[in-house]
PDB file of N, CA and C in Angstrom:
ATOM      1  N   MET A   1       2.425 -24.612 -12.572  1.00  0.00           N
ATOM      2  CA  MET A   1       2.608 -24.996 -13.862  1.00  0.00           C
ATOM      3  C   MET A   1       3.101 -23.993 -14.796  1.00  0.00           C
ATOM      4  N   LYS A   2       2.559 -22.852 -14.406  1.00  0.00           N
ATOM      5  CA  LYS A   2       3.036 -21.362 -15.437  1.00  0.00           C
ATOM      6  C   LYS A   2       4.559 -21.240 -14.876  1.00  0.00           C
ATOM      7  N   ILE A   3       4.919 -21.292 -13.465  1.00  0.00           N
ATOM      8  CA  ILE A   3       6.247 -21.069 -13.347  1.00  0.00           C
ATOM      9  C   ILE A   3       7.359 -21.653 -14.097  1.00  0.00           C
ATOM     10  N   LEU A   4       6.736 -23.011 -14.171  1.00  0.00           N
ATOM     11  CA  LEU A   4       7.755 -24.401 -14.555  1.00  0.00           C
ATOM     12  C   LEU A   4       8.001 -23.623 -16.069  1.00  0.00           C
ATOM     13  N   ILE A   5       6.664 -23.627 -16.846  1.00  0.00           N
ATOM     14  CA  ILE A   5       6.893 -22.773 -18.236  1.00  0.00           C
ATOM     15  C   ILE A   5       7.663 -21.809 -18.473  1.00  0.00           C
ATOM     16  N   LEU A   6       7.702 -20.837 -17.531  1.00  0.00           N
ATOM     17  CA  LEU A   6       8.462 -19.325 -17.734  1.00  0.00           C
ATOM     18  C   LEU A   6       9.767 -19.987 -17.462  1.00  0.00           C
ATOM     19  N   LEU A   7      10.250 -20.835 -16.441  1.00  0.00           N
ATOM     20  CA  LEU A   7      11.676 -21.187 -15.976  1.00  0.00           C
ATOM     21  C   LEU A   7      12.287 -21.775 -17.501  1.00  0.00           C
ATOM     22  N   CYS A   8      11.608 -22.820 -18.084  1.00  0.00           N
ATOM     23  CA  CYS A   8      11.970 -23.516 -19.211  1.00  0.00           C
ATOM     24  C   CYS A   8      12.066 -22.633 -20.414  1.00  0.00           C
ATOM     25  N   PHE A   9      11.550 -21.836 -20.588  1.00  0.00           N
ATOM     26  CA  PHE A   9      11.399 -20.578 -21.466  1.00  0.00           C
ATOM     27  C   PHE A   9      12.499 -19.827 -21.259  1.00  0.00           C
ATOM     28  N   ALA A  10      12.878 -19.251 -19.957  1.00  0.00           N
ATOM     29  CA  ALA A  10      14.115 -18.440 -19.707  1.00  0.00           C
ATOM     30  C   ALA A  10      15.393 -19.298 -20.270  1.00  0.00           C
ATOM     31  N   CYS A  11      15.345 -20.748 -19.852  1.00  0.00           N
ATOM     32  CA  CYS A  11      16.443 -21.540 -20.115  1.00  0.00           C
ATOM     33  C   CYS A  11      16.605 -21.765 -21.636  1.00  0.00           C
ATOM     34  N   THR A  12      15.627 -21.820 -22.404  1.00  0.00           N
ATOM     35  CA  THR A  12      15.612 -22.174 -23.909  1.00  0.00           C
ATOM     36  C   THR A  12      16.228 -20.626 -24.477  1.00  0.00           C
ATOM     37  N   VAL A  13      15.572 -19.514 -23.763  1.00  0.00           N
ATOM     38  CA  VAL A  13      15.973 -18.302 -24.740  1.00  0.00           C
ATOM     39  C   VAL A  13      17.425 -18.184 -24.497  1.00  0.00           C
ATOM     40  N   SER A  14      18.085 -18.326 -23.362  1.00  0.00           N
ATOM     41  CA  SER A  14      19.632 -18.079 -22.825  1.00  0.00           C
ATOM     42  C   SER A  14      20.354 -19.222 -23.739  1.00  0.00           C
ATOM     43  N   LEU A  15      19.853 -20.310 -24.200  1.00  0.00           N
ATOM     44  CA  LEU A  15      20.525 -21.531 -24.570  1.00  0.00           C
ATOM     45  C   LEU A  15      21.076 -20.964 -26.194  1.00  0.00           C
ATOM     46  N   VAL A  16      19.900 -20.393 -26.687  1.00  0.00           N
ATOM     47  CA  VAL A  16      19.838 -20.339 -27.951  1.00  0.00           C
ATOM     48  C   VAL A  16      20.201 -18.919 -28.549  1.00  0.00           C
ATOM     49  N   GLY A  17      20.548 -18.279 -27.291  1.00  0.00           N
ATOM     50  CA  GLY A  17      21.088 -16.662 -27.680  1.00  0.00           C
ATOM     51  C   GLY A  17      20.437 -15.833 -28.660  1.00  0.00           C
ATOM     52  N   ALA A  18      19.354 -15.940 -28.285  1.00  0.00           N
ATOM     53  CA  ALA A  18      18.131 -15.043 -28.988  1.00  0.00           C
ATOM     54  C   ALA A  18      18.415 -13.413 -28.402  1.00  0.00           C
ATOM     55  N   ASP A  19      18.077 -12.566 -29.093  1.00  0.00           N
ATOM     56  CA  ASP A  19      17.934 -11.406 -28.715  1.00  0.00           C
ATOM     57  C   ASP A  19      17.064 -10.951 -27.369  1.00  0.00           C
ATOM     58  N   THR A  20      17.722 -10.475 -26.474  1.00  0.00           N
ATOM     59  CA  THR A  20      16.873 -10.272 -25.083  1.00  0.00           C
ATOM     60  C   THR A  20      15.650  -9.158 -25.381  1.00  0.00           C
ATOM     61  N   LEU A  21      14.613  -9.301 -24.864  1.00  0.00           N
ATOM     62  CA  LEU A  21      13.645  -8.423 -24.822  1.00  0.00           C
ATOM     63  C   LEU A  21      13.811  -7.786 -23.287  1.00  0.00           C
ATOM     64  N   ASN A  22      14.072  -6.343 -23.527  1.00  0.00           N
ATOM     65  CA  ASN A  22      13.884  -5.436 -22.287  1.00  0.00           C
ATOM     66  C   ASN A  22      12.912  -4.668 -21.882  1.00  0.00           C
ATOM     67  N   ALA A  23      12.732  -4.432 -20.630  1.00  0.00           N
ATOM     68  CA  ALA A  23      11.954  -3.580 -20.066  1.00  0.00           C
ATOM     69  C   ALA A  23      12.415  -2.768 -18.812  1.00  0.00           C
ATOM     70  N   THR A  24      11.674  -1.521 -18.639  1.00  0.00           N
ATOM     71  CA  THR A  24      12.101  -0.533 -17.719  1.00  0.00           C
ATOM     72  C   THR A  24      11.032  -0.449 -16.676  1.00  0.00           C
ATOM     73  N   ILE A  25      11.174  -0.788 -15.543  1.00  0.00           N
ATOM     74  CA  ILE A  25      10.029  -0.600 -14.168  1.00  0.00           C
ATOM     75  C   ILE A  25       9.758   0.921 -14.166  1.00  0.00           C
ATOM     76  N   THR A  26       8.487   1.263 -14.608  1.00  0.00           N
ATOM     77  CA  THR A  26       8.130   2.760 -14.442  1.00  0.00           C
ATOM     78  C   THR A  26       7.534   3.177 -13.169  1.00  0.00           C
ATOM     79  N   GLU A  27       7.271   2.290 -12.139  1.00  0.00           N
ATOM     80  CA  GLU A  27       7.055   2.678 -10.637  1.00  0.00           C
ATOM     81  C   GLU A  27       7.448   1.400  -9.732  1.00  0.00           C
ATOM     82  N   GLU A  28       7.858   1.873  -8.502  1.00  0.00           N
ATOM     83  CA  GLU A  28       8.551   1.002  -7.649  1.00  0.00           C
ATOM     84  C   GLU A  28       7.160  -0.168  -7.621  1.00  0.00           C
ATOM     85  N   THR A  29       7.935  -1.260  -7.489  1.00  0.00           N
ATOM     86  CA  THR A  29       6.939  -2.528  -7.548  1.00  0.00           C
ATOM     87  C   THR A  29       7.701  -4.008  -6.901  1.00  0.00           C
ATOM     88  N   LYS A  30       6.655  -4.984  -6.486  1.00  0.00           N
ATOM     89  CA  LYS A  30       7.370  -6.059  -5.849  1.00  0.00           C
ATOM     90  C   LYS A  30       7.640  -6.986  -7.182  1.00  0.00           C
ATOM     91  N   MET A  31       8.551  -7.699  -7.214  1.00  0.00           N
ATOM     92  CA  MET A  31       8.542  -8.825  -8.018  1.00  0.00           C
ATOM     93  C   MET A  31       8.545 -10.235  -7.325  1.00  0.00           C
ATOM     94  N   GLU A  32       7.590 -10.793  -7.524  1.00  0.00           N
ATOM     95  CA  GLU A  32       7.401 -12.085  -7.149  1.00  0.00           C
ATOM     96  C   GLU A  32       8.178 -13.192  -7.570  1.00  0.00           C
ATOM     97  N   VAL A  33       9.188 -13.633  -6.726  1.00  0.00           N
ATOM     98  CA  VAL A  33      10.246 -14.968  -7.129  1.00  0.00           C
ATOM     99  C   VAL A  33       9.264 -16.135  -7.263  1.00  0.00           C
ATOM    100  N   THR A  34       9.642 -16.545  -8.600  1.00  0.00           N
ATOM    101  CA  THR A  34       9.133 -17.906  -8.979  1.00  0.00           C
ATOM    102  C   THR A  34       9.657 -18.773  -8.395  1.00  0.00           C
ATOM    103  N   ARG A  35      10.901 -18.854  -8.311  1.00  0.00           N
ATOM    104  CA  ARG A  35      11.673 -19.983  -7.645  1.00  0.00           C
ATOM    105  C   ARG A  35      11.915 -19.835  -5.990  1.00  0.00           C
ATOM    106  N   GLY A  36      11.097 -20.556  -5.116  1.00  0.00           N
ATOM    107  CA  GLY A  36      11.316 -20.109  -3.633  1.00  0.00           C
ATOM    108  C   GLY A  36      10.189 -19.545  -3.278  1.00  0.00           C
ATOM    109  N   LYS A  37      10.147 -18.989  -2.135  1.00  0.00           N
ATOM    110  CA  LYS A  37       9.256 -17.930  -1.750  1.00  0.00           C
ATOM    111  C   LYS A  37       9.910 -16.612  -1.578  1.00  0.00           C
ATOM    112  N   GLY A  38       8.769 -15.487  -1.794  1.00  0.00           N
ATOM    113  CA  GLY A  38       9.325 -14.030  -1.324  1.00  0.00           C
ATOM    114  C   GLY A  38       9.084 -13.203  -2.542  1.00  0.00           C
ATOM    115  N   SER A  39       9.492 -11.980  -2.163  1.00  0.00           N
ATOM    116  CA  SER A  39       9.615 -11.067  -3.292  1.00  0.00           C
ATOM    117  C   SER A  39      10.736  -9.999  -3.339  1.00  0.00           C
ATOM    118  N   ILE A  40      10.995  -9.263  -4.599  1.00  0.00           N
ATOM    119  CA  ILE A  40      12.091  -8.357  -4.308  1.00  0.00           C
ATOM    120  C   ILE A  40      11.491  -7.255  -4.975  1.00  0.00           C
ATOM    121  N   VAL A  41      11.875  -5.854  -4.018  1.00  0.00           N
ATOM    122  CA  VAL A  41      11.492  -4.784  -4.572  1.00  0.00           C
ATOM    123  C   VAL A  41      12.168  -4.049  -5.527  1.00  0.00           C
ATOM    124  N   LEU A  42      11.587  -3.754  -6.647  1.00  0.00           N
ATOM    125  CA  LEU A  42      12.296  -3.158  -7.939  1.00  0.00           C
ATOM    126  C   LEU A  42      11.805  -1.790  -7.856  1.00  0.00           C
ATOM    127  N   LYS A  43      12.925  -0.629  -7.933  1.00  0.00           N
ATOM    128  CA  LYS A  43      12.432   0.752  -7.973  1.00  0.00           C
ATOM    129  C   LYS A  43      12.232   0.952  -9.271  1.00  0.00           C
ATOM    130  N   ALA A  44      11.767   2.368  -9.989  1.00  0.00           N
ATOM    131  CA  ALA A  44      11.518   2.644 -10.785  1.00  0.00           C
ATOM    132  C   ALA A  44      12.816   3.048 -11.704  1.00  0.00           C
ATOM    133  N   GLY A  45      12.986   2.586 -12.626  1.00  0.00           N
ATOM    134  CA  GLY A  45      14.326   2.933 -13.701  1.00  0.00           C
ATOM    135  C   GLY A  45      14.836   1.680 -13.595  1.00  0.00           C
ATOM    136  N   THR A  46      14.929   0.676 -13.202  1.00  0.00           N
ATOM    137  CA  THR A  46      15.328  -0.577 -13.370  1.00  0.00           C
ATOM    138  C   THR A  46      15.090  -1.404 -14.743  1.00  0.00           C
ATOM    139  N   ILE A  47      16.088  -1.993 -15.203  1.00  0.00           N
ATOM    140  CA  ILE A  47      15.881  -2.304 -16.334  1.00  0.00           C
ATOM    141  C   ILE A  47      15.965  -4.062 -16.148  1.00  0.00           C
ATOM    142  N   VAL A  48      14.973  -4.967 -16.562  1.00  0.00           N
ATOM    143  CA  VAL A  48      15.157  -5.835 -16.248  1.00  0.00           C
ATOM    144  C   VAL A  48      14.706  -7.092 -18.073  1.00  0.00           C
ATOM    145  N   GLU A  49      15.003  -8.050 -18.267  1.00  0.00           N
ATOM    146  CA  GLU A  49      14.575  -8.768 -19.099  1.00  0.00           C
ATOM    147  C   GLU A  49      13.547  -9.710 -19.107  1.00  0.00           C
ATOM    148  N   VAL A  50      12.758  -9.533 -20.123  1.00  0.00           N
ATOM    149  CA  VAL A  50      11.251 -10.255 -20.283  1.00  0.00           C
ATOM    150  C   VAL A  50      11.666 -11.497 -21.041  1.00  0.00           C
ATOM    151  N   VAL A  51      10.860 -12.693 -20.481  1.00  0.00           N
ATOM    152  CA  VAL A  51      11.312 -13.941 -20.809  1.00  0.00           C
ATOM    153  C   VAL A  51       9.693 -14.723 -21.133  1.00  0.00           C
ATOM    154  N   GLY A  52       8.823 -13.658 -20.582  1.00  0.00           N
ATOM    155  CA  GLY A  52       7.322 -14.294 -20.973  1.00  0.00           C
ATOM    156  C   GLY A  52       6.270 -13.533 -20.347  1.00  0.00           C
ATOM    157  N   ARG A  53       4.993 -13.805 -20.847  1.00  0.00           N
ATOM    158  CA  ARG A  53       4.152 -13.173 -20.470  1.00  0.00           C
ATOM    159  C   ARG A  53       2.686 -14.054 -20.159  1.00  0.00           C
ATOM    160  N   ASP A  54       2.226 -13.592 -18.953  1.00  0.00           N
ATOM    161  CA  ASP A  54       1.021 -14.462 -18.457  1.00  0.00           C
ATOM    162  C   ASP A  54       0.260 -13.448 -17.823  1.00  0.00           C
ATOM    163  N   GLY A  55      -0.816 -13.177 -18.951  1.00  0.00           N
ATOM    164  CA  GLY A  55      -2.280 -12.394 -18.641  1.00  0.00           C
ATOM    165  C   GLY A  55      -1.520 -11.007 -18.614  1.00  0.00           C
ATOM    166  N   GLY A  56      -1.916 -10.280 -17.368  1.00  0.00           N
ATOM    167  CA  GLY A  56      -1.364  -9.006 -17.012  1.00  0.00           C
ATOM    168  C   GLY A  56      -0.085  -8.994 -16.324  1.00  0.00           C
ATOM    169  N   ASN A  57       0.614 -10.270 -16.245  1.00  0.00           N
ATOM    170  CA  ASN A  57       1.926 -10.114 -15.533  1.00  0.00           C
ATOM    171  C   ASN A  57       3.350 -10.195 -16.552  1.00  0.00           C
ATOM    172  N   LEU A  58       4.138 -10.214 -16.147  1.00  0.00           N
ATOM    173  CA  LEU A  58       5.488 -10.371 -17.313  1.00  0.00           C
ATOM    174  C   LEU A  58       6.474 -11.275 -16.422  1.00  0.00           C
ATOM    175  N   GLY A  59       6.579 -12.282 -17.253  1.00  0.00           N
ATOM    176  CA  GLY A  59       8.088 -13.161 -16.630  1.00  0.00           C
ATOM    177  C   GLY A  59       9.298 -12.362 -17.012  1.00  0.00           C
ATOM    178  N   ILE A  60      10.052 -12.245 -15.774  1.00  0.00           N
ATOM    179  CA  ILE A  60      11.269 -11.318 -16.023  1.00  0.00           C
ATOM    180  C   ILE A  60      12.385 -11.988 -15.238  1.00  0.00           C
ATOM    181  N   VAL A  61      13.689 -11.528 -15.639  1.00  0.00           N
ATOM    182  CA  VAL A  61      15.014 -12.154 -14.978  1.00  0.00           C
ATOM    183  C   VAL A  61      15.318 -10.667 -14.584  1.00  0.00           C
ATOM    184  N   TYR A  62      15.666 -10.548 -13.313  1.00  0.00           N
ATOM    185  CA  TYR A  62      16.563  -9.449 -12.828  1.00  0.00           C
ATOM    186  C   TYR A  62      17.710 -10.199 -12.156  1.00  0.00           C
ATOM    187  N   ARG A  63      19.001  -9.760 -12.267  1.00  0.00           N
ATOM    188  CA  ARG A  63      20.074 -10.503 -11.833  1.00  0.00           C
ATOM    189  C   ARG A  63      20.158 -11.749 -11.478  1.00  0.00           C
ATOM    190  N   ASN A  64      19.757 -12.388 -12.497  1.00  0.00           N
ATOM    191  CA  ASN A  64      19.608 -14.020 -12.810  1.00  0.00           C
ATOM    192  C   ASN A  64      18.862 -14.549 -11.242  1.00  0.00           C
ATOM    193  N   ILE A  65      17.686 -13.975 -11.425  1.00  0.00           N
ATOM    194  CA  ILE A  65      16.359 -14.241 -10.262  1.00  0.00           C
ATOM    195  C   ILE A  65      15.462 -14.283 -11.353  1.00  0.00           C
ATOM    196  N   THR A  66      14.524 -15.176 -11.476  1.00  0.00           N
ATOM    197  CA  THR A  66      13.166 -15.389 -12.489  1.00  0.00           C
ATOM    198  C   THR A  66      11.917 -14.656 -11.604  1.00  0.00           C
ATOM    199  N   GLY A  67      11.377 -14.001 -12.012  1.00  0.00           N
ATOM    200  CA  GLY A  67       9.805 -13.648 -11.395  1.00  0.00           C
ATOM    201  C   GLY A  67       8.829 -13.089 -12.108  1.00  0.00           C
ATOM    202  N   LEU A  68       7.827 -12.456 -11.513  1.00  0.00           N
ATOM    203  CA  LEU A  68       6.748 -11.926 -12.046  1.00  0.00           C
ATOM    204  C   LEU A  68       6.575 -10.587 -11.479  1.00  0.00           C
ATOM    205  N   VAL A  69       6.465  -9.744 -12.580  1.00  0.00           N
ATOM    206  CA  VAL A  69       5.872  -8.238 -11.850  1.00  0.00           C
ATOM    207  C   VAL A  69       4.312  -8.136 -12.947  1.00  0.00           C
ATOM    208  N   PRO A  70       3.995  -6.762 -12.517  1.00  0.00           N
ATOM    209  CA  PRO A  70       2.740  -6.817 -13.300  1.00  0.00           C
ATOM    210  C   PRO A  70       3.034  -5.804 -14.424  1.00  0.00           C
ATOM    211  N   ALA A  71       2.651  -5.899 -15.439  1.00  0.00           N
ATOM    212  CA  ALA A  71       3.265  -5.561 -16.851  1.00  0.00           C
ATOM    213  C   ALA A  71       2.679  -3.867 -16.845  1.00  0.00           C
ATOM    214  N   SER A  72       1.547  -3.654 -16.194  1.00  0.00           N
ATOM    215  CA  SER A  72       1.385  -2.242 -16.039  1.00  0.00           C
ATOM    216  C   SER A  72       2.357  -1.348 -15.163  1.00  0.00           C
ATOM    217  N   LYS A  73       3.446  -1.976 -14.606  1.00  0.00           N
ATOM    218  CA  LYS A  73       4.317  -1.344 -14.039  1.00  0.00           C
ATOM    219  C   LYS A  73       5.313  -1.132 -14.622  1.00  0.00           C
ATOM    220  N   THR A  74       5.734  -1.502 -15.891  1.00  0.00           N
ATOM    221  CA  THR A  74       6.371  -1.265 -16.939  1.00  0.00           C
ATOM    222  C   THR A  74       6.096  -0.790 -18.269  1.00  0.00           C
ATOM    223  N   ASP A  75       7.321  -0.378 -18.778  1.00  0.00           N
ATOM    224  CA  ASP A  75       7.130   0.238 -20.449  1.00  0.00           C
ATOM    225  C   ASP A  75       6.880  -0.625 -21.517  1.00  0.00           C
ATOM    226  N   PHE A  76       7.044  -2.105 -20.922  1.00  0.00           N
ATOM    227  CA  PHE A  76       7.087  -2.846 -22.013  1.00  0.00           C
ATOM    228  C   PHE A  76       5.736  -3.099 -23.004  1.00  0.00           C
ATOM    229  N   LYS A  77       5.733  -2.720 -24.182  1.00  0.00           N
ATOM    230  CA  LYS A  77       4.718  -2.698 -25.352  1.00  0.00           C
ATOM    231  C   LYS A  77       4.943  -3.703 -26.229  1.00  0.00           C
ATOM    232  N   GLY A  78       6.091  -4.500 -26.376  1.00  0.00           N
ATOM    233  CA  GLY A  78       5.995  -5.843 -27.453  1.00  0.00           C
ATOM    234  C   GLY A  78       5.450  -6.661 -27.049  1.00  0.00           C
ATOM    235  N   GLU A  79       5.570  -7.700 -27.907  1.00  0.00           N
ATOM    236  CA  GLU A  79       4.868  -8.854 -27.527  1.00  0.00           C
ATOM    237  C   GLU A  79       6.316 -10.057 -27.407  1.00  0.00           C
ATOM    238  N   VAL A  80       5.922 -10.961 -26.345  1.00  0.00           N
ATOM    239  CA  VAL A  80       6.849 -12.129 -26.163  1.00  0.00           C
ATOM    240  C   VAL A  80       6.744 -13.365 -27.278  1.00  0.00           C
ATOM    241  N   PRO A  81       7.922 -13.714 -27.912  1.00  0.00           N
ATOM    242  CA  PRO A  81       7.705 -14.588 -28.941  1.00  0.00           C
ATOM    243  C   PRO A  81       7.459 -16.010 -28.009  1.00  0.00           C
TER     244      PRO A  81
END
């Protein structure tokens, strides 16, 4: 259910043309892909778009792929609207 909410939120943000929130990955981490199965390794310094927050994880978009990463592995300090 959380995954569906994140995906809907990501689509809504892109449709309304809102300013994007970005974060930089601070250390190598796996992004758990929310559509389908699997993960992608993101290297330190990778810039991603933040689309949601779920406890200690951030919902992100990287190269049009939606997924989750631990917030502690990013420099994101803001709040997700």
